Amino acid sequence: MISCNNDDSEMENSNVDNDIADINIINMATNDMTPKEITVVNLPKRSVTRPETTTEIPHVQIGVEPVSEVNEELIRRVFSVPGIEKQVSVVGYTRGLWIAEEVIVFKPQFIGGREFGHIHEDGSLHIFLEPSRSIEAVETCWAIFHPFVIEGRSGWDGFVMLYTPQSIDELDWTFQLIIDAFNYVTGQNLIATDYY
């Protein structure tokens, strides 16, 4: 089990802007097999205790409250990204993150419709990440695998819950993962810091 206690190493380079040295470029093959470069920023280890979550559906955090100004900034950033539309989620009354119809999709990882993620009232969110990125997010304590992934259900690889960001520094990394998810699904190469 991975520990995310405060006793662990502190979250170094806690601002994405300062982590330019940790950027890798990977090639992503699109449906037409044209290689596309995607920028991936290495994640620091999250320094706070991993929140408790349910192990069944509905998959939610237990006892976590959002910080209002952080949650408002999360919503502002997410829906300022061109190509992400806010719609009601197909799984309930959460804020669905939908890929706009005019945006080409290369990896159709959707919950339903064109929904690639959704934000819960507590500021946590479920989202599809590229599978190796989802493993990194779990190992660095920014996410936990959804029960469908643990059960091995087909079509759910890379589906995680990102924990509620409790500070702007945490939000920067959570938002980085949201942009990673958008880039994975669309084959784009947006940079998270462009939307702060």
N, C-alpha and C. Protein backbone atom coordinates (compact mmCIF):
# COMPACT_ATOMS: atom_id res chain seq x y z
N MET A 1 0.85 -1.20 0.00
CA MET A 1 0.00 0.00 0.00
C MET A 1 0.88 1.24 0.00
N ILE A 2 0.53 2.19 -0.79
CA ILE A 2 1.29 3.43 -0.89
C ILE A 2 0.84 4.37 0.20
N SER A 3 1.79 4.94 0.90
CA SER A 3 1.47 5.89 1.96
C SER A 3 1.53 7.30 1.41
N CYS A 4 0.61 8.13 1.84
CA CYS A 4 0.61 9.53 1.44
C CYS A 4 0.55 10.42 2.67
N ASN A 5 1.12 9.95 3.77
CA ASN A 5 1.07 10.70 5.01
C ASN A 5 2.00 11.90 4.97
N ASN A 6 1.78 12.83 5.88
CA ASN A 6 2.64 14.00 5.97
C ASN A 6 4.06 13.64 6.32
N ASP A 7 4.31 12.43 6.86
CA ASP A 7 5.65 11.98 7.18
C ASP A 7 6.47 11.72 5.93
N ASP A 8 5.80 11.49 4.81
CA ASP A 8 6.49 11.23 3.57
C ASP A 8 7.15 12.51 3.07
N SER A 9 7.95 12.36 2.02
CA SER A 9 8.62 13.53 1.47
C SER A 9 7.59 14.58 1.07
N GLU A 10 7.93 15.81 1.30
CA GLU A 10 7.02 16.91 0.97
C GLU A 10 6.84 17.00 -0.53
N MET A 11 5.75 17.62 -0.94
CA MET A 11 5.46 17.78 -2.35
C MET A 11 6.43 18.82 -2.89
N GLU A 12 7.50 18.33 -3.52
CA GLU A 12 8.49 19.24 -4.08
C GLU A 12 7.99 19.79 -5.41
N ASN A 13 8.53 20.93 -5.77
CA ASN A 13 8.14 21.56 -7.04
C ASN A 13 6.63 21.62 -7.15
N SER A 14 5.97 22.15 -6.13
CA SER A 14 4.52 22.06 -6.07
C SER A 14 3.80 22.93 -7.09
N ASN A 15 4.50 23.67 -7.87
CA ASN A 15 3.84 24.46 -8.90
C ASN A 15 4.24 23.91 -10.26
N VAL A 16 3.27 23.65 -11.10
CA VAL A 16 3.54 23.08 -12.41
C VAL A 16 4.49 23.97 -13.20
N ASP A 17 4.37 25.31 -13.09
CA ASP A 17 5.26 26.21 -13.82
C ASP A 17 6.72 25.94 -13.50
N ASN A 18 7.02 25.58 -12.26
CA ASN A 18 8.39 25.36 -11.84
C ASN A 18 8.90 23.98 -12.22
N ASP A 19 8.09 23.15 -12.80
CA ASP A 19 8.47 21.77 -13.05
C ASP A 19 8.80 21.51 -14.52
N ILE A 20 9.22 22.55 -15.22
CA ILE A 20 9.49 22.44 -16.64
C ILE A 20 10.57 21.40 -16.92
N ALA A 21 11.52 21.20 -16.00
CA ALA A 21 12.58 20.22 -16.21
C ALA A 21 12.03 18.80 -16.22
N ASP A 22 10.86 18.59 -15.66
CA ASP A 22 10.28 17.26 -15.58
C ASP A 22 9.26 16.99 -16.68
N ILE A 23 9.37 17.69 -17.79
CA ILE A 23 8.43 17.48 -18.90
C ILE A 23 9.04 16.46 -19.85
N ASN A 24 8.24 15.48 -20.22
CA ASN A 24 8.63 14.50 -21.22
C ASN A 24 7.74 14.67 -22.43
N ILE A 25 8.24 14.31 -23.58
CA ILE A 25 7.42 14.30 -24.80
C ILE A 25 7.23 12.84 -25.17
N ILE A 26 5.98 12.43 -25.35
CA ILE A 26 5.72 11.07 -25.78
C ILE A 26 4.98 11.13 -27.11
N ASN A 27 5.10 10.09 -27.88
CA ASN A 27 4.37 10.01 -29.13
C ASN A 27 3.09 9.26 -28.90
N MET A 28 2.03 9.76 -29.47
CA MET A 28 0.73 9.11 -29.36
C MET A 28 0.24 8.86 -30.77
N ALA A 29 -0.05 7.61 -31.08
CA ALA A 29 -0.56 7.30 -32.42
C ALA A 29 -2.04 7.62 -32.46
N THR A 30 -2.45 8.39 -33.44
CA THR A 30 -3.85 8.73 -33.61
C THR A 30 -4.51 7.64 -34.44
N ASN A 31 -5.82 7.74 -34.63
CA ASN A 31 -6.54 6.74 -35.41
C ASN A 31 -5.99 6.58 -36.82
N ASP A 32 -5.47 7.67 -37.38
CA ASP A 32 -4.91 7.56 -38.72
C ASP A 32 -3.43 7.18 -38.67
N MET A 33 -2.96 6.79 -37.48
CA MET A 33 -1.60 6.33 -37.22
C MET A 33 -0.55 7.41 -37.42
N THR A 34 -0.94 8.66 -37.43
CA THR A 34 0.01 9.75 -37.48
C THR A 34 0.52 10.00 -36.07
N PRO A 35 1.85 9.90 -35.85
CA PRO A 35 2.34 10.15 -34.48
C PRO A 35 2.08 11.58 -34.06
N LYS A 36 1.69 11.77 -32.84
CA LYS A 36 1.40 13.09 -32.30
C LYS A 36 2.17 13.22 -31.00
N GLU A 37 2.87 14.31 -30.81
CA GLU A 37 3.61 14.51 -29.58
C GLU A 37 2.69 15.09 -28.51
N ILE A 38 2.77 14.50 -27.34
CA ILE A 38 1.98 14.95 -26.20
C ILE A 38 2.95 15.29 -25.07
N THR A 39 2.81 16.46 -24.47
CA THR A 39 3.65 16.86 -23.36
C THR A 39 3.10 16.24 -22.07
N VAL A 40 3.98 15.57 -21.34
CA VAL A 40 3.58 14.97 -20.06
C VAL A 40 4.49 15.51 -18.97
N VAL A 41 3.90 16.09 -17.93
CA VAL A 41 4.65 16.64 -16.80
C VAL A 41 4.68 15.58 -15.70
N ASN A 42 5.88 15.24 -15.21
CA ASN A 42 6.00 14.25 -14.15
C ASN A 42 5.33 14.76 -12.88
N LEU A 43 4.60 13.89 -12.21
CA LEU A 43 3.87 14.26 -11.00
C LEU A 43 4.74 14.13 -9.76
N PRO A 44 4.66 15.11 -8.84
CA PRO A 44 5.31 14.93 -7.55
C PRO A 44 4.43 14.03 -6.68
N LYS A 45 4.98 13.51 -5.61
CA LYS A 45 4.16 12.74 -4.68
C LYS A 45 3.30 13.71 -3.85
N ARG A 46 2.01 13.43 -3.79
CA ARG A 46 1.09 14.24 -2.99
C ARG A 46 1.43 14.02 -1.53
N SER A 47 1.51 15.09 -0.75
CA SER A 47 2.07 15.00 0.60
C SER A 47 1.05 14.82 1.72
N VAL A 48 -0.23 14.77 1.40
CA VAL A 48 -1.23 14.62 2.45
C VAL A 48 -1.81 13.21 2.44
N THR A 49 -2.48 12.86 3.51
CA THR A 49 -3.07 11.53 3.62
C THR A 49 -4.12 11.31 2.55
N ARG A 50 -4.09 10.12 1.98
CA ARG A 50 -5.05 9.74 0.95
C ARG A 50 -6.44 9.68 1.59
N PRO A 51 -7.45 10.37 1.01
CA PRO A 51 -8.80 10.31 1.58
C PRO A 51 -9.39 8.90 1.50
N GLU A 52 -10.25 8.59 2.42
CA GLU A 52 -10.96 7.32 2.38
C GLU A 52 -12.07 7.42 1.33
N THR A 53 -12.32 6.32 0.63
CA THR A 53 -13.38 6.29 -0.38
C THR A 53 -14.19 5.01 -0.22
N THR A 54 -15.36 5.02 -0.81
CA THR A 54 -16.15 3.80 -0.86
C THR A 54 -15.47 2.84 -1.83
N THR A 55 -15.78 1.58 -1.72
CA THR A 55 -15.19 0.57 -2.62
C THR A 55 -16.20 0.05 -3.63
N GLU A 56 -17.41 0.57 -3.56
CA GLU A 56 -18.47 0.14 -4.48
C GLU A 56 -19.07 1.37 -5.15
N ILE A 57 -20.07 1.14 -5.97
CA ILE A 57 -20.77 2.22 -6.66
C ILE A 57 -21.94 2.66 -5.77
N PRO A 58 -22.18 3.94 -5.50
CA PRO A 58 -21.41 5.05 -6.03
C PRO A 58 -20.03 5.14 -5.38
N HIS A 59 -19.04 5.45 -6.18
CA HIS A 59 -17.65 5.58 -5.73
C HIS A 59 -17.42 7.04 -5.35
N VAL A 60 -17.34 7.30 -4.04
CA VAL A 60 -17.21 8.67 -3.54
C VAL A 60 -16.18 8.72 -2.42
N GLN A 61 -15.68 9.93 -2.17
CA GLN A 61 -14.82 10.16 -1.01
C GLN A 61 -15.69 10.20 0.24
N ILE A 62 -15.06 9.93 1.37
CA ILE A 62 -15.77 9.96 2.65
C ILE A 62 -15.18 11.07 3.51
N GLY A 63 -16.04 11.99 3.95
CA GLY A 63 -15.64 13.03 4.89
C GLY A 63 -14.72 14.11 4.37
N VAL A 64 -14.78 14.41 3.07
CA VAL A 64 -13.94 15.47 2.50
C VAL A 64 -14.83 16.62 2.06
N GLU A 65 -14.50 17.81 2.53
CA GLU A 65 -15.24 19.01 2.13
C GLU A 65 -14.37 19.83 1.19
N PRO A 66 -14.97 20.43 0.17
CA PRO A 66 -14.18 21.28 -0.72
C PRO A 66 -13.85 22.61 -0.04
N VAL A 67 -12.76 23.21 -0.45
CA VAL A 67 -12.41 24.58 -0.07
C VAL A 67 -13.04 25.45 -1.15
N SER A 68 -13.97 26.33 -0.76
CA SER A 68 -14.81 27.00 -1.75
C SER A 68 -14.02 27.73 -2.83
N GLU A 69 -13.00 28.51 -2.45
CA GLU A 69 -12.27 29.26 -3.49
C GLU A 69 -11.47 28.33 -4.41
N VAL A 70 -11.00 27.21 -3.88
CA VAL A 70 -10.27 26.24 -4.71
C VAL A 70 -11.25 25.54 -5.66
N ASN A 71 -12.41 25.16 -5.14
CA ASN A 71 -13.42 24.49 -5.95
C ASN A 71 -13.93 25.42 -7.06
N GLU A 72 -14.14 26.68 -6.73
CA GLU A 72 -14.58 27.65 -7.75
C GLU A 72 -13.52 27.80 -8.85
N GLU A 73 -12.26 27.83 -8.45
CA GLU A 73 -11.18 27.95 -9.44
C GLU A 73 -11.07 26.69 -10.28
N LEU A 74 -11.30 25.52 -9.68
CA LEU A 74 -11.33 24.27 -10.44
C LEU A 74 -12.37 24.35 -11.55
N ILE A 75 -13.58 24.75 -11.19
CA ILE A 75 -14.67 24.85 -12.16
C ILE A 75 -14.34 25.88 -13.24
N ARG A 76 -13.81 27.03 -12.82
CA ARG A 76 -13.46 28.08 -13.79
C ARG A 76 -12.43 27.57 -14.80
N ARG A 77 -11.37 26.93 -14.27
CA ARG A 77 -10.32 26.45 -15.17
C ARG A 77 -10.84 25.40 -16.15
N VAL A 78 -11.53 24.40 -15.61
CA VAL A 78 -11.98 23.29 -16.45
C VAL A 78 -12.84 23.78 -17.60
N PHE A 79 -13.80 24.66 -17.30
CA PHE A 79 -14.73 25.07 -18.34
C PHE A 79 -14.25 26.28 -19.13
N SER A 80 -12.98 26.69 -18.89
CA SER A 80 -12.36 27.70 -19.76
C SER A 80 -11.56 27.03 -20.88
N VAL A 81 -11.41 25.71 -20.80
CA VAL A 81 -10.65 24.98 -21.81
C VAL A 81 -11.50 24.83 -23.07
N PRO A 82 -11.01 25.31 -24.22
CA PRO A 82 -11.77 25.16 -25.45
C PRO A 82 -11.97 23.68 -25.78
N GLY A 83 -13.22 23.31 -26.01
CA GLY A 83 -13.51 21.91 -26.34
C GLY A 83 -14.09 21.13 -25.18
N ILE A 84 -14.08 21.69 -23.95
CA ILE A 84 -14.74 21.04 -22.81
C ILE A 84 -16.03 21.79 -22.52
N GLU A 85 -17.13 21.07 -22.58
CA GLU A 85 -18.44 21.66 -22.29
C GLU A 85 -18.99 21.12 -20.99
N LYS A 86 -19.72 21.97 -20.26
CA LYS A 86 -20.38 21.54 -19.02
C LYS A 86 -21.78 21.06 -19.37
N GLN A 87 -22.05 19.80 -19.04
CA GLN A 87 -23.38 19.22 -19.20
C GLN A 87 -23.65 18.36 -17.98
N VAL A 88 -24.89 18.03 -17.73
CA VAL A 88 -25.21 17.12 -16.64
C VAL A 88 -24.61 15.76 -16.98
N SER A 89 -23.96 15.15 -16.00
CA SER A 89 -23.34 13.84 -16.21
C SER A 89 -24.39 12.78 -16.52
N VAL A 90 -23.98 11.77 -17.28
CA VAL A 90 -24.88 10.66 -17.58
C VAL A 90 -25.12 9.79 -16.34
N VAL A 91 -24.32 9.97 -15.29
CA VAL A 91 -24.48 9.14 -14.09
C VAL A 91 -25.13 9.87 -12.93
N GLY A 92 -25.64 11.05 -13.15
CA GLY A 92 -26.31 11.74 -12.06
C GLY A 92 -26.24 13.24 -12.23
N TYR A 93 -26.29 13.94 -11.11
CA TYR A 93 -26.38 15.40 -11.15
C TYR A 93 -25.04 16.08 -10.99
N THR A 94 -23.96 15.38 -11.26
CA THR A 94 -22.64 16.00 -11.19
C THR A 94 -22.39 16.82 -12.46
N ARG A 95 -21.32 17.63 -12.43
CA ARG A 95 -20.96 18.44 -13.60
C ARG A 95 -20.19 17.55 -14.58
N GLY A 96 -20.81 17.23 -15.69
CA GLY A 96 -20.17 16.40 -16.69
C GLY A 96 -19.18 17.19 -17.52
N LEU A 97 -18.02 16.59 -17.80
CA LEU A 97 -17.02 17.16 -18.69
C LEU A 97 -17.19 16.48 -20.03
N TRP A 98 -17.77 17.20 -20.98
CA TRP A 98 -18.08 16.65 -22.29
C TRP A 98 -17.16 17.24 -23.33
N ILE A 99 -16.73 16.42 -24.27
CA ILE A 99 -15.96 16.89 -25.41
C ILE A 99 -16.95 17.48 -26.41
N ALA A 100 -16.71 18.72 -26.80
CA ALA A 100 -17.60 19.39 -27.76
C ALA A 100 -17.66 18.60 -29.06
N GLU A 101 -18.81 18.65 -29.71
CA GLU A 101 -19.05 17.89 -30.95
C GLU A 101 -18.04 18.22 -32.04
N GLU A 102 -17.57 19.47 -32.08
CA GLU A 102 -16.66 19.84 -33.16
C GLU A 102 -15.22 19.36 -32.93
N VAL A 103 -14.94 18.83 -31.74
CA VAL A 103 -13.59 18.35 -31.41
C VAL A 103 -13.45 16.89 -31.86
N ILE A 104 -12.40 16.62 -32.62
CA ILE A 104 -12.12 15.25 -33.06
C ILE A 104 -11.67 14.43 -31.86
N VAL A 105 -12.15 13.22 -31.77
CA VAL A 105 -11.78 12.31 -30.68
C VAL A 105 -10.97 11.17 -31.26
N PHE A 106 -9.78 10.95 -30.67
CA PHE A 106 -8.90 9.88 -31.14
C PHE A 106 -8.97 8.65 -30.25
N LYS A 107 -9.23 8.83 -28.97
CA LYS A 107 -9.36 7.72 -28.03
C LYS A 107 -10.71 7.86 -27.36
N PRO A 108 -11.74 7.21 -27.88
CA PRO A 108 -13.09 7.42 -27.34
C PRO A 108 -13.30 6.74 -25.99
N GLN A 109 -12.69 7.31 -24.95
CA GLN A 109 -12.85 6.81 -23.59
C GLN A 109 -13.94 7.65 -22.93
N PHE A 110 -15.16 7.18 -23.00
CA PHE A 110 -16.27 7.95 -22.49
C PHE A 110 -17.09 7.17 -21.48
N ILE A 111 -17.65 7.89 -20.51
CA ILE A 111 -18.57 7.32 -19.54
C ILE A 111 -19.91 7.07 -20.23
N GLY A 112 -20.25 7.94 -21.12
CA GLY A 112 -21.46 7.87 -21.93
C GLY A 112 -21.53 9.14 -22.74
N GLY A 113 -22.18 9.11 -23.88
CA GLY A 113 -22.18 10.29 -24.75
C GLY A 113 -20.75 10.65 -25.09
N ARG A 114 -20.39 11.92 -24.87
CA ARG A 114 -19.01 12.38 -25.05
C ARG A 114 -18.42 12.84 -23.72
N GLU A 115 -18.89 12.24 -22.64
CA GLU A 115 -18.43 12.59 -21.29
C GLU A 115 -17.18 11.79 -20.92
N PHE A 116 -16.05 12.51 -20.75
CA PHE A 116 -14.79 11.83 -20.39
C PHE A 116 -14.47 11.97 -18.90
N GLY A 117 -15.32 12.70 -18.17
CA GLY A 117 -15.14 12.85 -16.73
C GLY A 117 -16.29 13.65 -16.14
N HIS A 118 -16.33 13.70 -14.81
CA HIS A 118 -17.32 14.55 -14.15
C HIS A 118 -16.81 14.97 -12.78
N ILE A 119 -17.25 16.14 -12.35
CA ILE A 119 -16.83 16.72 -11.07
C ILE A 119 -17.97 16.54 -10.07
N HIS A 120 -17.65 15.95 -8.92
CA HIS A 120 -18.63 15.78 -7.85
C HIS A 120 -18.76 17.07 -7.04
N GLU A 121 -19.80 17.14 -6.24
CA GLU A 121 -20.04 18.33 -5.41
C GLU A 121 -18.88 18.60 -4.45
N ASP A 122 -18.17 17.55 -4.02
CA ASP A 122 -17.06 17.75 -3.08
C ASP A 122 -15.76 18.14 -3.77
N GLY A 123 -15.78 18.30 -5.10
CA GLY A 123 -14.59 18.71 -5.83
C GLY A 123 -13.72 17.57 -6.31
N SER A 124 -14.06 16.33 -5.93
CA SER A 124 -13.35 15.18 -6.51
C SER A 124 -13.92 14.94 -7.90
N LEU A 125 -13.24 14.15 -8.70
CA LEU A 125 -13.79 13.87 -10.01
C LEU A 125 -13.33 12.53 -10.54
N HIS A 126 -14.19 11.92 -11.33
CA HIS A 126 -13.84 10.70 -12.07
C HIS A 126 -13.45 11.12 -13.48
N ILE A 127 -12.40 10.47 -14.00
CA ILE A 127 -11.89 10.87 -15.31
C ILE A 127 -11.08 9.73 -15.92
N PHE A 128 -11.05 9.70 -17.24
CA PHE A 128 -10.22 8.74 -17.96
C PHE A 128 -8.84 9.34 -18.21
N LEU A 129 -7.80 8.66 -17.74
CA LEU A 129 -6.43 9.01 -18.06
C LEU A 129 -5.84 7.93 -18.95
N GLU A 130 -4.80 8.27 -19.68
CA GLU A 130 -4.04 7.26 -20.41
C GLU A 130 -3.62 6.23 -19.35
N PRO A 131 -3.75 4.92 -19.60
CA PRO A 131 -3.54 3.92 -18.55
C PRO A 131 -2.24 4.03 -17.77
N SER A 132 -1.11 4.29 -18.42
CA SER A 132 0.14 4.41 -17.66
C SER A 132 0.15 5.68 -16.81
N ARG A 133 -0.52 6.73 -17.28
CA ARG A 133 -0.64 7.96 -16.49
C ARG A 133 -1.53 7.73 -15.28
N SER A 134 -2.56 6.90 -15.43
CA SER A 134 -3.43 6.59 -14.29
C SER A 134 -2.65 5.86 -13.20
N ILE A 135 -1.76 4.97 -13.60
CA ILE A 135 -0.93 4.26 -12.62
C ILE A 135 -0.03 5.25 -11.89
N GLU A 136 0.59 6.17 -12.63
CA GLU A 136 1.44 7.19 -12.00
C GLU A 136 0.62 8.04 -11.04
N ALA A 137 -0.60 8.44 -11.43
CA ALA A 137 -1.45 9.27 -10.56
C ALA A 137 -1.81 8.54 -9.27
N VAL A 138 -2.05 7.24 -9.36
CA VAL A 138 -2.36 6.45 -8.16
C VAL A 138 -1.11 6.29 -7.30
N GLU A 139 0.01 5.97 -7.92
CA GLU A 139 1.25 5.76 -7.18
C GLU A 139 1.75 7.02 -6.48
N THR A 140 1.46 8.19 -7.03
CA THR A 140 1.87 9.46 -6.41
C THR A 140 0.76 10.05 -5.54
N CYS A 141 -0.31 9.31 -5.35
CA CYS A 141 -1.39 9.64 -4.40
C CYS A 141 -2.30 10.78 -4.82
N TRP A 142 -2.41 11.03 -6.13
CA TRP A 142 -3.35 12.03 -6.62
C TRP A 142 -4.69 11.40 -6.97
N ALA A 143 -4.73 10.08 -7.05
CA ALA A 143 -5.93 9.40 -7.54
C ALA A 143 -6.05 8.02 -6.93
N ILE A 144 -7.22 7.43 -7.14
CA ILE A 144 -7.48 6.03 -6.78
C ILE A 144 -8.25 5.42 -7.95
N PHE A 145 -7.98 4.15 -8.23
CA PHE A 145 -8.69 3.49 -9.31
C PHE A 145 -10.16 3.34 -8.98
N HIS A 146 -11.00 3.51 -9.98
CA HIS A 146 -12.44 3.28 -9.86
C HIS A 146 -12.67 1.78 -9.67
N PRO A 147 -13.72 1.39 -8.95
CA PRO A 147 -14.01 -0.04 -8.78
C PRO A 147 -14.10 -0.83 -10.08
N PHE A 148 -14.56 -0.21 -11.18
CA PHE A 148 -14.63 -0.93 -12.46
C PHE A 148 -13.25 -1.35 -12.94
N VAL A 149 -12.24 -0.53 -12.67
CA VAL A 149 -10.86 -0.88 -13.05
C VAL A 149 -10.38 -2.04 -12.20
N ILE A 150 -10.65 -1.98 -10.90
CA ILE A 150 -10.22 -3.03 -9.99
C ILE A 150 -10.89 -4.35 -10.35
N GLU A 151 -12.16 -4.29 -10.77
CA GLU A 151 -12.87 -5.49 -11.21
C GLU A 151 -12.40 -6.01 -12.56
N GLY A 152 -11.63 -5.20 -13.29
CA GLY A 152 -11.13 -5.60 -14.60
C GLY A 152 -12.15 -5.49 -15.72
N ARG A 153 -13.13 -4.62 -15.56
CA ARG A 153 -14.15 -4.46 -16.61
C ARG A 153 -13.55 -3.90 -17.89
N SER A 154 -13.94 -4.43 -18.98
CA SER A 154 -13.45 -4.00 -20.29
C SER A 154 -13.89 -2.57 -20.59
N GLY A 155 -12.99 -1.79 -21.16
CA GLY A 155 -13.30 -0.42 -21.57
C GLY A 155 -13.11 0.62 -20.49
N TRP A 156 -12.67 0.23 -19.29
CA TRP A 156 -12.53 1.18 -18.20
C TRP A 156 -11.08 1.41 -17.79
N ASP A 157 -10.12 0.92 -18.58
CA ASP A 157 -8.71 1.14 -18.26
C ASP A 157 -8.43 2.63 -18.11
N GLY A 158 -7.70 2.97 -17.07
CA GLY A 158 -7.31 4.37 -16.85
C GLY A 158 -8.35 5.22 -16.15
N PHE A 159 -9.47 4.64 -15.72
CA PHE A 159 -10.53 5.42 -15.08
C PHE A 159 -10.23 5.54 -13.59
N VAL A 160 -10.09 6.78 -13.12
CA VAL A 160 -9.70 7.04 -11.74
C VAL A 160 -10.59 8.11 -11.11
N MET A 161 -10.52 8.18 -9.78
CA MET A 161 -11.06 9.32 -9.05
C MET A 161 -9.88 10.18 -8.64
N LEU A 162 -9.89 11.46 -9.04
CA LEU A 162 -8.92 12.43 -8.57
C LEU A 162 -9.48 13.02 -7.28
N TYR A 163 -8.64 13.09 -6.25
CA TYR A 163 -9.09 13.60 -4.96
C TYR A 163 -9.36 15.10 -5.00
N THR A 164 -10.20 15.56 -4.10
CA THR A 164 -10.54 16.97 -3.98
C THR A 164 -9.30 17.80 -3.68
N PRO A 165 -8.96 18.75 -4.54
CA PRO A 165 -7.82 19.62 -4.21
C PRO A 165 -8.18 20.53 -3.04
N GLN A 166 -7.26 20.63 -2.08
CA GLN A 166 -7.50 21.42 -0.87
C GLN A 166 -6.73 22.75 -0.86
N SER A 167 -5.92 22.98 -1.88
CA SER A 167 -5.15 24.23 -1.99
C SER A 167 -4.94 24.51 -3.47
N ILE A 168 -4.48 25.71 -3.78
CA ILE A 168 -4.21 26.05 -5.18
C ILE A 168 -3.06 25.21 -5.71
N ASP A 169 -2.04 24.93 -4.89
CA ASP A 169 -0.95 24.05 -5.33
C ASP A 169 -1.48 22.68 -5.72
N GLU A 170 -2.36 22.11 -4.89
CA GLU A 170 -2.96 20.82 -5.23
C GLU A 170 -3.82 20.94 -6.48
N LEU A 171 -4.55 22.04 -6.61
CA LEU A 171 -5.38 22.25 -7.79
C LEU A 171 -4.53 22.27 -9.06
N ASP A 172 -3.36 22.88 -8.99
CA ASP A 172 -2.49 22.93 -10.17
C ASP A 172 -2.21 21.52 -10.70
N TRP A 173 -1.95 20.58 -9.80
CA TRP A 173 -1.64 19.20 -10.22
C TRP A 173 -2.90 18.46 -10.64
N THR A 174 -4.00 18.68 -9.95
CA THR A 174 -5.26 18.07 -10.35
C THR A 174 -5.65 18.55 -11.75
N PHE A 175 -5.52 19.84 -11.97
CA PHE A 175 -5.85 20.41 -13.28
C PHE A 175 -4.91 19.87 -14.36
N GLN A 176 -3.63 19.68 -14.01
CA GLN A 176 -2.70 19.07 -14.96
C GLN A 176 -3.23 17.72 -15.42
N LEU A 177 -3.73 16.92 -14.49
CA LEU A 177 -4.27 15.60 -14.84
C LEU A 177 -5.53 15.71 -15.69
N ILE A 178 -6.36 16.70 -15.45
CA ILE A 178 -7.55 16.91 -16.27
C ILE A 178 -7.14 17.24 -17.71
N ILE A 179 -6.14 18.11 -17.85
CA ILE A 179 -5.63 18.44 -19.18
C ILE A 179 -5.02 17.20 -19.83
N ASP A 180 -4.29 16.39 -19.05
CA ASP A 180 -3.75 15.13 -19.58
C ASP A 180 -4.86 14.25 -20.13
N ALA A 181 -5.97 14.18 -19.39
CA ALA A 181 -7.11 13.36 -19.83
C ALA A 181 -7.70 13.89 -21.12
N PHE A 182 -7.88 15.21 -21.20
CA PHE A 182 -8.41 15.83 -22.41
C PHE A 182 -7.48 15.55 -23.60
N ASN A 183 -6.17 15.72 -23.39
CA ASN A 183 -5.20 15.46 -24.45
C ASN A 183 -5.23 14.00 -24.88
N TYR A 184 -5.38 13.09 -23.94
CA TYR A 184 -5.42 11.66 -24.25
C TYR A 184 -6.62 11.33 -25.14
N VAL A 185 -7.77 11.86 -24.80
CA VAL A 185 -8.99 11.55 -25.56
C VAL A 185 -8.99 12.23 -26.93
N THR A 186 -8.48 13.45 -26.99
CA THR A 186 -8.59 14.23 -28.23
C THR A 186 -7.33 14.22 -29.09
N GLY A 187 -6.20 13.78 -28.54
CA GLY A 187 -4.95 13.83 -29.29
C GLY A 187 -4.36 15.22 -29.38
N GLN A 188 -4.90 16.16 -28.61
CA GLN A 188 -4.36 17.52 -28.60
C GLN A 188 -3.16 17.60 -27.65
N ASN A 189 -2.52 18.73 -27.62
CA ASN A 189 -1.37 18.94 -26.73
C ASN A 189 -1.51 20.27 -26.00
N LEU A 190 -2.64 20.42 -25.28
CA LEU A 190 -2.85 21.65 -24.51
C LEU A 190 -1.91 21.65 -23.31
N ILE A 191 -1.54 22.84 -22.87
CA ILE A 191 -0.66 23.03 -21.71
C ILE A 191 -1.51 23.59 -20.57
N ALA A 192 -1.50 22.93 -19.43
CA ALA A 192 -2.37 23.30 -18.31
C ALA A 192 -2.17 24.73 -17.87
N THR A 193 -0.93 25.19 -17.80
CA THR A 193 -0.67 26.53 -17.29
C THR A 193 -1.22 27.64 -18.17
N ASP A 194 -1.61 27.33 -19.39
CA ASP A 194 -2.23 28.32 -20.27
C ASP A 194 -3.64 28.70 -19.80
N TYR A 195 -4.21 27.95 -18.87
CA TYR A 195 -5.60 28.18 -18.44
C TYR A 195 -5.69 28.59 -16.97
N TYR A 196 -4.60 29.04 -16.38
CA TYR A 196 -4.64 29.52 -14.99
C TYR A 196 -5.22 30.91 -14.95
